[in-house]
Amino acid sequence: QAVSNVAWAFAALGDPNEALMAGLAARMMQEGVLTQCHPQAVSNVAWAFATLGIHHEALMAGLAARMLHGGVLARCSAQAVSNVAWAFAALGDPNEALMAGLAARMMQEGVLTQCHPQAVSNVAWAFATLGIHHEALMAGLAARMLHGGVLARCSAQAVSNVA
């Protein structure tokens, strides 16, 4: 938890302290650390590294593996799914197994209804950026945008990401 909080804080401040981020990645990759990460921590770390434009291949592979094992995806909120999808797309990392898992989680009952406009936008943008065609997911995202006042709450950027 502490590692993800520190990574998030430095990314939120836009401070790409290379030595610190390398140290955080190394700590995350130590035996047993990733296996104890809950979904929000995985999401925060992925978001932080992507926000800072740091593509640490081993870390991203480890984060993807953590998401896909131990029931982590089943416990992910729509926001966590959105952040992870965005992070991998922002880094140009088309981890097919992860993206398929994220799409499946988004399609589970009740998950899309949790999506705020930015989450819908991020997921649509991520799949489009990576060139991953998932018709059911895109139909679900479109339906979410059109119901519950989601479209009316979208920023111009969110609309352009989805369009």
N, C-alpha and C. Protein backbone atom coordinates (compact mmCIF):
# COMPACT_ATOMS: atom_id res chain seq x y z
N GLN A 1 0.82 -1.19 0.00
CA GLN A 1 0.00 0.00 0.00
C GLN A 1 0.87 1.25 0.00
N ALA A 2 1.92 1.27 0.81
CA ALA A 2 2.78 2.45 0.89
C ALA A 2 3.45 2.73 -0.45
N VAL A 3 3.89 1.69 -1.13
CA VAL A 3 4.55 1.87 -2.43
C VAL A 3 3.58 2.50 -3.42
N SER A 4 2.35 2.00 -3.46
CA SER A 4 1.39 2.55 -4.42
C SER A 4 1.03 3.99 -4.07
N ASN A 5 0.94 4.31 -2.80
CA ASN A 5 0.62 5.68 -2.39
C ASN A 5 1.74 6.65 -2.77
N VAL A 6 2.97 6.24 -2.57
CA VAL A 6 4.11 7.10 -2.92
C VAL A 6 4.17 7.29 -4.44
N ALA A 7 4.01 6.20 -5.18
CA ALA A 7 4.02 6.30 -6.65
C ALA A 7 2.92 7.23 -7.12
N TRP A 8 1.71 7.07 -6.56
CA TRP A 8 0.59 7.92 -6.93
C TRP A 8 0.89 9.39 -6.62
N ALA A 9 1.43 9.66 -5.45
CA ALA A 9 1.69 11.04 -5.03
C ALA A 9 2.69 11.72 -5.98
N PHE A 10 3.78 11.04 -6.31
CA PHE A 10 4.77 11.64 -7.19
C PHE A 10 4.20 11.86 -8.59
N ALA A 11 3.38 10.92 -9.05
CA ALA A 11 2.76 11.10 -10.37
C ALA A 11 1.75 12.24 -10.33
N ALA A 12 0.97 12.32 -9.27
CA ALA A 12 -0.02 13.40 -9.15
C ALA A 12 0.65 14.76 -9.15
N LEU A 13 1.87 14.82 -8.62
CA LEU A 13 2.62 16.07 -8.61
C LEU A 13 3.44 16.27 -9.88
N GLY A 14 3.45 15.25 -10.75
CA GLY A 14 4.21 15.35 -11.99
C GLY A 14 5.71 15.30 -11.78
N ASP A 15 6.14 14.64 -10.73
CA ASP A 15 7.57 14.56 -10.38
C ASP A 15 8.13 13.18 -10.75
N PRO A 16 8.77 13.06 -11.90
CA PRO A 16 9.30 11.76 -12.34
C PRO A 16 10.67 11.45 -11.73
N ASN A 17 10.74 11.44 -10.43
CA ASN A 17 12.00 11.16 -9.75
C ASN A 17 12.46 9.75 -10.16
N GLU A 18 13.40 9.71 -11.10
CA GLU A 18 13.79 8.43 -11.70
C GLU A 18 14.34 7.43 -10.68
N ALA A 19 15.15 7.91 -9.76
CA ALA A 19 15.73 7.01 -8.76
C ALA A 19 14.62 6.42 -7.88
N LEU A 20 13.71 7.28 -7.45
CA LEU A 20 12.61 6.80 -6.60
C LEU A 20 11.74 5.81 -7.36
N MET A 21 11.34 6.15 -8.59
CA MET A 21 10.45 5.27 -9.34
C MET A 21 11.13 3.92 -9.63
N ALA A 22 12.43 3.95 -9.90
CA ALA A 22 13.17 2.69 -10.09
C ALA A 22 13.16 1.88 -8.80
N GLY A 23 13.33 2.56 -7.67
CA GLY A 23 13.30 1.88 -6.38
C GLY A 23 11.94 1.30 -6.07
N LEU A 24 10.88 2.06 -6.39
CA LEU A 24 9.52 1.56 -6.17
C LEU A 24 9.24 0.35 -7.04
N ALA A 25 9.68 0.41 -8.30
CA ALA A 25 9.50 -0.74 -9.20
C ALA A 25 10.23 -1.95 -8.67
N ALA A 26 11.46 -1.74 -8.22
CA ALA A 26 12.25 -2.85 -7.67
C ALA A 26 11.56 -3.46 -6.46
N ARG A 27 11.03 -2.61 -5.60
CA ARG A 27 10.33 -3.11 -4.41
C ARG A 27 9.08 -3.91 -4.81
N MET A 28 8.34 -3.40 -5.77
CA MET A 28 7.14 -4.11 -6.22
C MET A 28 7.49 -5.48 -6.79
N MET A 29 8.66 -5.59 -7.41
CA MET A 29 9.07 -6.83 -8.05
C MET A 29 9.70 -7.83 -7.08
N GLN A 30 9.93 -7.43 -5.84
CA GLN A 30 10.50 -8.36 -4.87
C GLN A 30 9.48 -9.46 -4.58
N GLU A 31 10.00 -10.63 -4.31
CA GLU A 31 9.13 -11.79 -4.09
C GLU A 31 8.09 -11.52 -3.01
N GLY A 32 6.85 -11.81 -3.36
CA GLY A 32 5.75 -11.71 -2.40
C GLY A 32 5.08 -10.35 -2.31
N VAL A 33 5.67 -9.31 -2.88
CA VAL A 33 5.07 -7.98 -2.75
C VAL A 33 3.83 -7.84 -3.63
N LEU A 34 3.96 -8.16 -4.91
CA LEU A 34 2.82 -8.03 -5.82
C LEU A 34 1.66 -8.93 -5.40
N THR A 35 1.97 -10.09 -4.89
CA THR A 35 0.89 -11.02 -4.53
C THR A 35 0.05 -10.51 -3.36
N GLN A 36 0.55 -9.50 -2.65
CA GLN A 36 -0.22 -8.94 -1.55
C GLN A 36 -0.96 -7.66 -1.94
N CYS A 37 -0.77 -7.21 -3.17
CA CYS A 37 -1.40 -5.97 -3.61
C CYS A 37 -2.88 -6.17 -3.90
N HIS A 38 -3.68 -5.27 -3.38
CA HIS A 38 -5.11 -5.29 -3.68
C HIS A 38 -5.33 -4.52 -4.99
N PRO A 39 -6.51 -4.64 -5.58
CA PRO A 39 -6.75 -4.03 -6.90
C PRO A 39 -6.43 -2.54 -6.98
N GLN A 40 -6.78 -1.78 -5.96
CA GLN A 40 -6.53 -0.34 -6.01
C GLN A 40 -5.04 -0.03 -6.03
N ALA A 41 -4.24 -0.80 -5.31
CA ALA A 41 -2.80 -0.58 -5.33
C ALA A 41 -2.22 -0.87 -6.71
N VAL A 42 -2.67 -1.95 -7.33
CA VAL A 42 -2.21 -2.29 -8.69
C VAL A 42 -2.59 -1.16 -9.64
N SER A 43 -3.81 -0.70 -9.53
CA SER A 43 -4.30 0.38 -10.37
C SER A 43 -3.49 1.66 -10.17
N ASN A 44 -3.22 2.00 -8.92
CA ASN A 44 -2.46 3.22 -8.61
C ASN A 44 -1.05 3.17 -9.17
N VAL A 45 -0.39 2.04 -9.03
CA VAL A 45 0.98 1.91 -9.53
C VAL A 45 1.00 1.99 -11.05
N ALA A 46 0.09 1.28 -11.71
CA ALA A 46 0.04 1.33 -13.17
C ALA A 46 -0.22 2.75 -13.64
N TRP A 47 -1.19 3.42 -13.02
CA TRP A 47 -1.52 4.80 -13.38
C TRP A 47 -0.33 5.73 -13.17
N ALA A 48 0.35 5.57 -12.05
CA ALA A 48 1.47 6.45 -11.73
C ALA A 48 2.60 6.32 -12.76
N PHE A 49 2.99 5.10 -13.07
CA PHE A 49 4.08 4.91 -14.03
C PHE A 49 3.68 5.42 -15.41
N ALA A 50 2.44 5.18 -15.80
CA ALA A 50 1.99 5.67 -17.12
C ALA A 50 1.91 7.19 -17.13
N THR A 51 1.41 7.77 -16.07
CA THR A 51 1.30 9.23 -15.99
C THR A 51 2.67 9.88 -16.12
N LEU A 52 3.67 9.24 -15.55
CA LEU A 52 5.04 9.77 -15.63
C LEU A 52 5.76 9.33 -16.90
N GLY A 53 5.10 8.51 -17.71
CA GLY A 53 5.70 8.04 -18.96
C GLY A 53 6.85 7.07 -18.76
N ILE A 54 6.81 6.33 -17.67
CA ILE A 54 7.87 5.37 -17.35
C ILE A 54 7.36 3.97 -17.67
N HIS A 55 7.93 3.38 -18.73
CA HIS A 55 7.50 2.03 -19.11
C HIS A 55 8.53 1.03 -18.58
N HIS A 56 8.25 0.51 -17.42
CA HIS A 56 9.09 -0.49 -16.78
C HIS A 56 8.47 -1.84 -17.14
N GLU A 57 9.05 -2.49 -18.16
CA GLU A 57 8.43 -3.70 -18.72
C GLU A 57 8.17 -4.79 -17.69
N ALA A 58 9.15 -5.07 -16.85
CA ALA A 58 8.97 -6.13 -15.86
C ALA A 58 7.86 -5.79 -14.87
N LEU A 59 7.82 -4.55 -14.44
CA LEU A 59 6.77 -4.14 -13.51
C LEU A 59 5.41 -4.24 -14.16
N MET A 60 5.27 -3.74 -15.37
CA MET A 60 3.97 -3.78 -16.04
C MET A 60 3.52 -5.23 -16.27
N ALA A 61 4.46 -6.10 -16.62
CA ALA A 61 4.12 -7.52 -16.78
C ALA A 61 3.68 -8.11 -15.43
N GLY A 62 4.35 -7.72 -14.37
CA GLY A 62 3.97 -8.18 -13.04
C GLY A 62 2.61 -7.68 -12.61
N LEU A 63 2.33 -6.41 -12.91
CA LEU A 63 1.02 -5.85 -12.58
C LEU A 63 -0.09 -6.56 -13.36
N ALA A 64 0.18 -6.82 -14.64
CA ALA A 64 -0.81 -7.54 -15.46
C ALA A 64 -1.05 -8.93 -14.90
N ALA A 65 0.01 -9.62 -14.55
CA ALA A 65 -0.13 -10.97 -13.99
C ALA A 65 -0.92 -10.94 -12.68
N ARG A 66 -0.66 -9.94 -11.86
CA ARG A 66 -1.39 -9.83 -10.59
C ARG A 66 -2.88 -9.62 -10.84
N MET A 67 -3.20 -8.79 -11.81
CA MET A 67 -4.61 -8.53 -12.13
C MET A 67 -5.31 -9.81 -12.58
N LEU A 68 -4.58 -10.67 -13.27
CA LEU A 68 -5.19 -11.85 -13.88
C LEU A 68 -5.23 -13.07 -12.98
N HIS A 69 -4.64 -12.99 -11.80
CA HIS A 69 -4.59 -14.16 -10.92
C HIS A 69 -5.12 -13.82 -9.53
N GLY A 70 -5.52 -14.85 -8.85
CA GLY A 70 -5.96 -14.70 -7.47
C GLY A 70 -7.26 -13.96 -7.29
N GLY A 71 -8.07 -13.89 -8.34
CA GLY A 71 -9.37 -13.24 -8.22
C GLY A 71 -9.30 -11.73 -8.11
N VAL A 72 -8.17 -11.13 -8.46
CA VAL A 72 -8.02 -9.68 -8.33
C VAL A 72 -9.00 -8.94 -9.23
N LEU A 73 -9.12 -9.35 -10.48
CA LEU A 73 -10.03 -8.67 -11.40
C LEU A 73 -11.47 -8.68 -10.89
N ALA A 74 -11.86 -9.77 -10.29
CA ALA A 74 -13.24 -9.89 -9.79
C ALA A 74 -13.53 -8.88 -8.68
N ARG A 75 -12.48 -8.37 -8.05
CA ARG A 75 -12.65 -7.39 -6.97
C ARG A 75 -12.40 -5.96 -7.43
N CYS A 76 -12.11 -5.78 -8.71
CA CYS A 76 -11.80 -4.44 -9.24
C CYS A 76 -13.05 -3.61 -9.43
N SER A 77 -12.94 -2.36 -9.02
CA SER A 77 -14.00 -1.39 -9.31
C SER A 77 -13.88 -0.98 -10.78
N ALA A 78 -14.93 -0.36 -11.27
CA ALA A 78 -14.89 0.16 -12.64
C ALA A 78 -13.76 1.17 -12.79
N GLN A 79 -13.54 1.97 -11.76
CA GLN A 79 -12.47 2.98 -11.81
C GLN A 79 -11.10 2.32 -11.90
N ALA A 80 -10.87 1.26 -11.14
CA ALA A 80 -9.58 0.56 -11.19
C ALA A 80 -9.37 -0.05 -12.57
N VAL A 81 -10.41 -0.66 -13.13
CA VAL A 81 -10.31 -1.23 -14.48
C VAL A 81 -9.97 -0.14 -15.48
N SER A 82 -10.66 0.97 -15.36
CA SER A 82 -10.42 2.12 -16.25
C SER A 82 -8.99 2.61 -16.16
N ASN A 83 -8.48 2.76 -14.95
CA ASN A 83 -7.12 3.26 -14.76
C ASN A 83 -6.08 2.30 -15.33
N VAL A 84 -6.28 1.01 -15.12
CA VAL A 84 -5.32 0.03 -15.64
C VAL A 84 -5.36 0.00 -17.16
N ALA A 85 -6.55 0.00 -17.72
CA ALA A 85 -6.67 0.01 -19.19
C ALA A 85 -5.98 1.24 -19.76
N TRP A 86 -6.25 2.40 -19.17
CA TRP A 86 -5.64 3.65 -19.62
C TRP A 86 -4.12 3.57 -19.52
N ALA A 87 -3.62 3.07 -18.40
CA ALA A 87 -2.17 3.02 -18.17
C ALA A 87 -1.46 2.17 -19.22
N PHE A 88 -2.00 0.99 -19.48
CA PHE A 88 -1.36 0.11 -20.46
C PHE A 88 -1.42 0.73 -21.86
N ALA A 89 -2.53 1.36 -22.19
CA ALA A 89 -2.63 2.01 -23.51
C ALA A 89 -1.70 3.21 -23.60
N ALA A 90 -1.63 4.00 -22.54
CA ALA A 90 -0.76 5.18 -22.54
C ALA A 90 0.70 4.79 -22.73
N LEU A 91 1.06 3.62 -22.24
CA LEU A 91 2.44 3.13 -22.39
C LEU A 91 2.62 2.31 -23.67
N GLY A 92 1.55 2.15 -24.44
CA GLY A 92 1.63 1.38 -25.68
C GLY A 92 1.88 -0.09 -25.46
N ASP A 93 1.35 -0.61 -24.36
CA ASP A 93 1.57 -2.00 -23.97
C ASP A 93 0.28 -2.80 -24.18
N PRO A 94 0.14 -3.45 -25.35
CA PRO A 94 -1.11 -4.16 -25.65
C PRO A 94 -1.16 -5.57 -25.07
N ASN A 95 -1.08 -5.67 -23.77
CA ASN A 95 -1.12 -6.98 -23.11
C ASN A 95 -2.50 -7.59 -23.38
N GLU A 96 -2.55 -8.49 -24.35
CA GLU A 96 -3.83 -9.02 -24.82
C GLU A 96 -4.61 -9.75 -23.74
N ALA A 97 -3.92 -10.54 -22.93
CA ALA A 97 -4.62 -11.28 -21.88
C ALA A 97 -5.21 -10.32 -20.86
N LEU A 98 -4.44 -9.31 -20.49
CA LEU A 98 -4.95 -8.33 -19.53
C LEU A 98 -6.14 -7.58 -20.10
N MET A 99 -6.01 -7.09 -21.32
CA MET A 99 -7.10 -6.32 -21.91
C MET A 99 -8.37 -7.16 -22.06
N ALA A 100 -8.21 -8.43 -22.40
CA ALA A 100 -9.38 -9.33 -22.47
C ALA A 100 -10.01 -9.48 -21.08
N GLY A 101 -9.17 -9.62 -20.07
CA GLY A 101 -9.68 -9.72 -18.70
C GLY A 101 -10.38 -8.45 -18.25
N LEU A 102 -9.81 -7.29 -18.60
CA LEU A 102 -10.42 -6.01 -18.24
C LEU A 102 -11.78 -5.86 -18.93
N ALA A 103 -11.83 -6.25 -20.21
CA ALA A 103 -13.09 -6.18 -20.94
C ALA A 103 -14.13 -7.09 -20.29
N ALA A 104 -13.73 -8.29 -19.94
CA ALA A 104 -14.66 -9.23 -19.30
C ALA A 104 -15.17 -8.67 -17.97
N ARG A 105 -14.28 -8.06 -17.20
CA ARG A 105 -14.72 -7.47 -15.92
C ARG A 105 -15.71 -6.33 -16.15
N MET A 106 -15.44 -5.50 -17.13
CA MET A 106 -16.35 -4.39 -17.43
C MET A 106 -17.73 -4.90 -17.82
N MET A 107 -17.77 -6.06 -18.47
CA MET A 107 -19.04 -6.61 -18.96
C MET A 107 -19.81 -7.37 -17.88
N GLN A 108 -19.20 -7.59 -16.73
CA GLN A 108 -19.91 -8.29 -15.66
C GLN A 108 -21.04 -7.41 -15.13
N GLU A 109 -22.10 -8.06 -14.70
CA GLU A 109 -23.28 -7.35 -14.24
C GLU A 109 -22.94 -6.33 -13.16
N GLY A 110 -23.40 -5.11 -13.37
CA GLY A 110 -23.24 -4.05 -12.38
C GLY A 110 -21.99 -3.22 -12.51
N VAL A 111 -21.01 -3.66 -13.28
CA VAL A 111 -19.75 -2.92 -13.34
C VAL A 111 -19.91 -1.67 -14.20
N LEU A 112 -20.47 -1.80 -15.39
CA LEU A 112 -20.64 -0.63 -16.25
C LEU A 112 -21.51 0.44 -15.59
N THR A 113 -22.45 0.02 -14.78
CA THR A 113 -23.32 1.01 -14.14
C THR A 113 -22.57 1.83 -13.10
N GLN A 114 -21.39 1.36 -12.68
CA GLN A 114 -20.54 2.11 -11.75
C GLN A 114 -19.71 3.17 -12.47
N CYS A 115 -19.64 3.09 -13.78
CA CYS A 115 -18.73 3.94 -14.54
C CYS A 115 -19.18 5.39 -14.58
N HIS A 116 -18.27 6.25 -14.21
CA HIS A 116 -18.44 7.68 -14.37
C HIS A 116 -18.00 8.03 -15.80
N PRO A 117 -18.33 9.20 -16.28
CA PRO A 117 -17.96 9.56 -17.66
C PRO A 117 -16.48 9.36 -17.98
N GLN A 118 -15.60 9.74 -17.06
CA GLN A 118 -14.17 9.61 -17.33
C GLN A 118 -13.75 8.15 -17.46
N ALA A 119 -14.35 7.28 -16.67
CA ALA A 119 -14.02 5.86 -16.75
C ALA A 119 -14.45 5.28 -18.09
N VAL A 120 -15.64 5.63 -18.54
CA VAL A 120 -16.12 5.17 -19.85
C VAL A 120 -15.16 5.67 -20.93
N SER A 121 -14.83 6.94 -20.85
CA SER A 121 -13.93 7.55 -21.82
C SER A 121 -12.56 6.86 -21.84
N ASN A 122 -12.01 6.62 -20.66
CA ASN A 122 -10.68 6.00 -20.56
C ASN A 122 -10.65 4.60 -21.16
N VAL A 123 -11.69 3.82 -20.87
CA VAL A 123 -11.72 2.45 -21.39
C VAL A 123 -11.88 2.47 -22.91
N ALA A 124 -12.78 3.29 -23.41
CA ALA A 124 -12.96 3.38 -24.87
C ALA A 124 -11.67 3.83 -25.54
N TRP A 125 -11.04 4.85 -24.97
CA TRP A 125 -9.78 5.37 -25.52
C TRP A 125 -8.70 4.29 -25.51
N ALA A 126 -8.59 3.57 -24.41
CA ALA A 126 -7.55 2.55 -24.27
C ALA A 126 -7.68 1.46 -25.33
N PHE A 127 -8.89 0.94 -25.49
CA PHE A 127 -9.08 -0.13 -26.47
C PHE A 127 -8.86 0.39 -27.88
N ALA A 128 -9.32 1.60 -28.17
CA ALA A 128 -9.12 2.17 -29.50
C ALA A 128 -7.64 2.44 -29.76
N THR A 129 -6.95 2.98 -28.77
CA THR A 129 -5.53 3.30 -28.92
C THR A 129 -4.71 2.04 -29.18
N LEU A 130 -5.07 0.96 -28.52
CA LEU A 130 -4.35 -0.30 -28.69
C LEU A 130 -4.84 -1.08 -29.91
N GLY A 131 -5.89 -0.59 -30.57
CA GLY A 131 -6.41 -1.28 -31.75
C GLY A 131 -7.09 -2.59 -31.44
N ILE A 132 -7.67 -2.68 -30.24
CA ILE A 132 -8.34 -3.91 -29.81
C ILE A 132 -9.83 -3.75 -30.06
N HIS A 133 -10.36 -4.57 -30.95
CA HIS A 133 -11.78 -4.53 -31.30
C HIS A 133 -12.55 -5.49 -30.41
N HIS A 134 -13.34 -4.96 -29.51
CA HIS A 134 -14.16 -5.78 -28.62
C HIS A 134 -15.58 -5.22 -28.72
N GLU A 135 -16.35 -5.81 -29.63
CA GLU A 135 -17.67 -5.28 -29.96
C GLU A 135 -18.61 -5.21 -28.76
N ALA A 136 -18.63 -6.25 -27.95
CA ALA A 136 -19.55 -6.27 -26.81
C ALA A 136 -19.19 -5.17 -25.81
N LEU A 137 -17.91 -4.98 -25.57
CA LEU A 137 -17.48 -3.94 -24.65
C LEU A 137 -17.85 -2.56 -25.19
N MET A 138 -17.56 -2.32 -26.44
CA MET A 138 -17.85 -1.01 -27.02
C MET A 138 -19.37 -0.74 -27.03
N ALA A 139 -20.16 -1.78 -27.29
CA ALA A 139 -21.62 -1.62 -27.23
C ALA A 139 -22.06 -1.29 -25.80
N GLY A 140 -21.45 -1.95 -24.84
CA GLY A 140 -21.77 -1.68 -23.44
C GLY A 140 -21.38 -0.27 -23.03
N LEU A 141 -20.20 0.18 -23.49
CA LEU A 141 -19.77 1.54 -23.18
C LEU A 141 -20.70 2.57 -23.83
N ALA A 142 -21.11 2.29 -25.07
CA ALA A 142 -22.02 3.20 -25.76
C ALA A 142 -23.35 3.29 -25.02
N ALA A 143 -23.85 2.14 -24.59
CA ALA A 143 -25.12 2.13 -23.86
C ALA A 143 -24.99 2.91 -22.55
N ARG A 144 -23.86 2.74 -21.88
CA ARG A 144 -23.64 3.46 -20.62
C ARG A 144 -23.62 4.97 -20.86
N MET A 145 -22.99 5.39 -21.94
CA MET A 145 -22.92 6.82 -22.26
C MET A 145 -24.32 7.39 -22.50
N LEU A 146 -25.21 6.58 -23.07
CA LEU A 146 -26.53 7.07 -23.47
C LEU A 146 -27.58 7.00 -22.38
N HIS A 147 -27.26 6.36 -21.26
CA HIS A 147 -28.25 6.19 -20.20
C HIS A 147 -27.75 6.78 -18.88
N GLY A 148 -28.67 7.13 -18.05
CA GLY A 148 -28.32 7.61 -16.71
C GLY A 148 -27.67 8.98 -16.69
N GLY A 149 -27.80 9.74 -17.76
CA GLY A 149 -27.25 11.09 -17.77
C GLY A 149 -25.74 11.15 -17.89
N VAL A 150 -25.11 10.05 -18.25
CA VAL A 150 -23.65 10.02 -18.33
C VAL A 150 -23.14 10.98 -19.40
N LEU A 151 -23.74 10.94 -20.56
CA LEU A 151 -23.29 11.79 -21.66
C LEU A 151 -23.40 13.27 -21.30
N ALA A 152 -24.45 13.62 -20.60
CA ALA A 152 -24.64 15.02 -20.21
C ALA A 152 -23.57 15.50 -19.24
N ARG A 153 -22.94 14.57 -18.51
CA ARG A 153 -21.91 14.94 -17.54
C ARG A 153 -20.50 14.86 -18.11
N CYS A 154 -20.36 14.49 -19.38
CA CYS A 154 -19.04 14.33 -20.00
C CYS A 154 -18.39 15.67 -20.30
N SER A 155 -17.09 15.72 -20.04
CA SER A 155 -16.31 16.87 -20.46
C SER A 155 -16.08 16.78 -21.97
N ALA A 156 -15.64 17.86 -22.56
CA ALA A 156 -15.33 17.85 -23.99
C ALA A 156 -14.26 16.82 -24.30
N GLN A 157 -13.27 16.69 -23.41
CA GLN A 157 -12.19 15.71 -23.62
C GLN A 157 -12.74 14.30 -23.59
N ALA A 158 -13.63 14.00 -22.64
CA ALA A 158 -14.22 12.66 -22.55
C ALA A 158 -15.01 12.34 -23.81
N VAL A 159 -15.76 13.30 -24.31
CA VAL A 159 -16.53 13.08 -25.54
C VAL A 159 -15.58 12.82 -26.70
N SER A 160 -14.50 13.57 -26.80
CA SER A 160 -13.56 13.36 -27.91
C SER A 160 -12.86 12.02 -27.80
N ASN A 161 -12.62 11.53 -26.60
CA ASN A 161 -11.99 10.21 -26.41
C ASN A 161 -12.90 9.09 -26.90
N VAL A 162 -14.21 9.26 -26.72
CA VAL A 162 -15.17 8.24 -27.08
C VAL A 162 -15.54 8.32 -28.55
N ALA A 163 -15.56 9.52 -29.10
CA ALA A 163 -16.02 9.74 -30.47
C ALA A 163 -15.12 9.06 -31.49
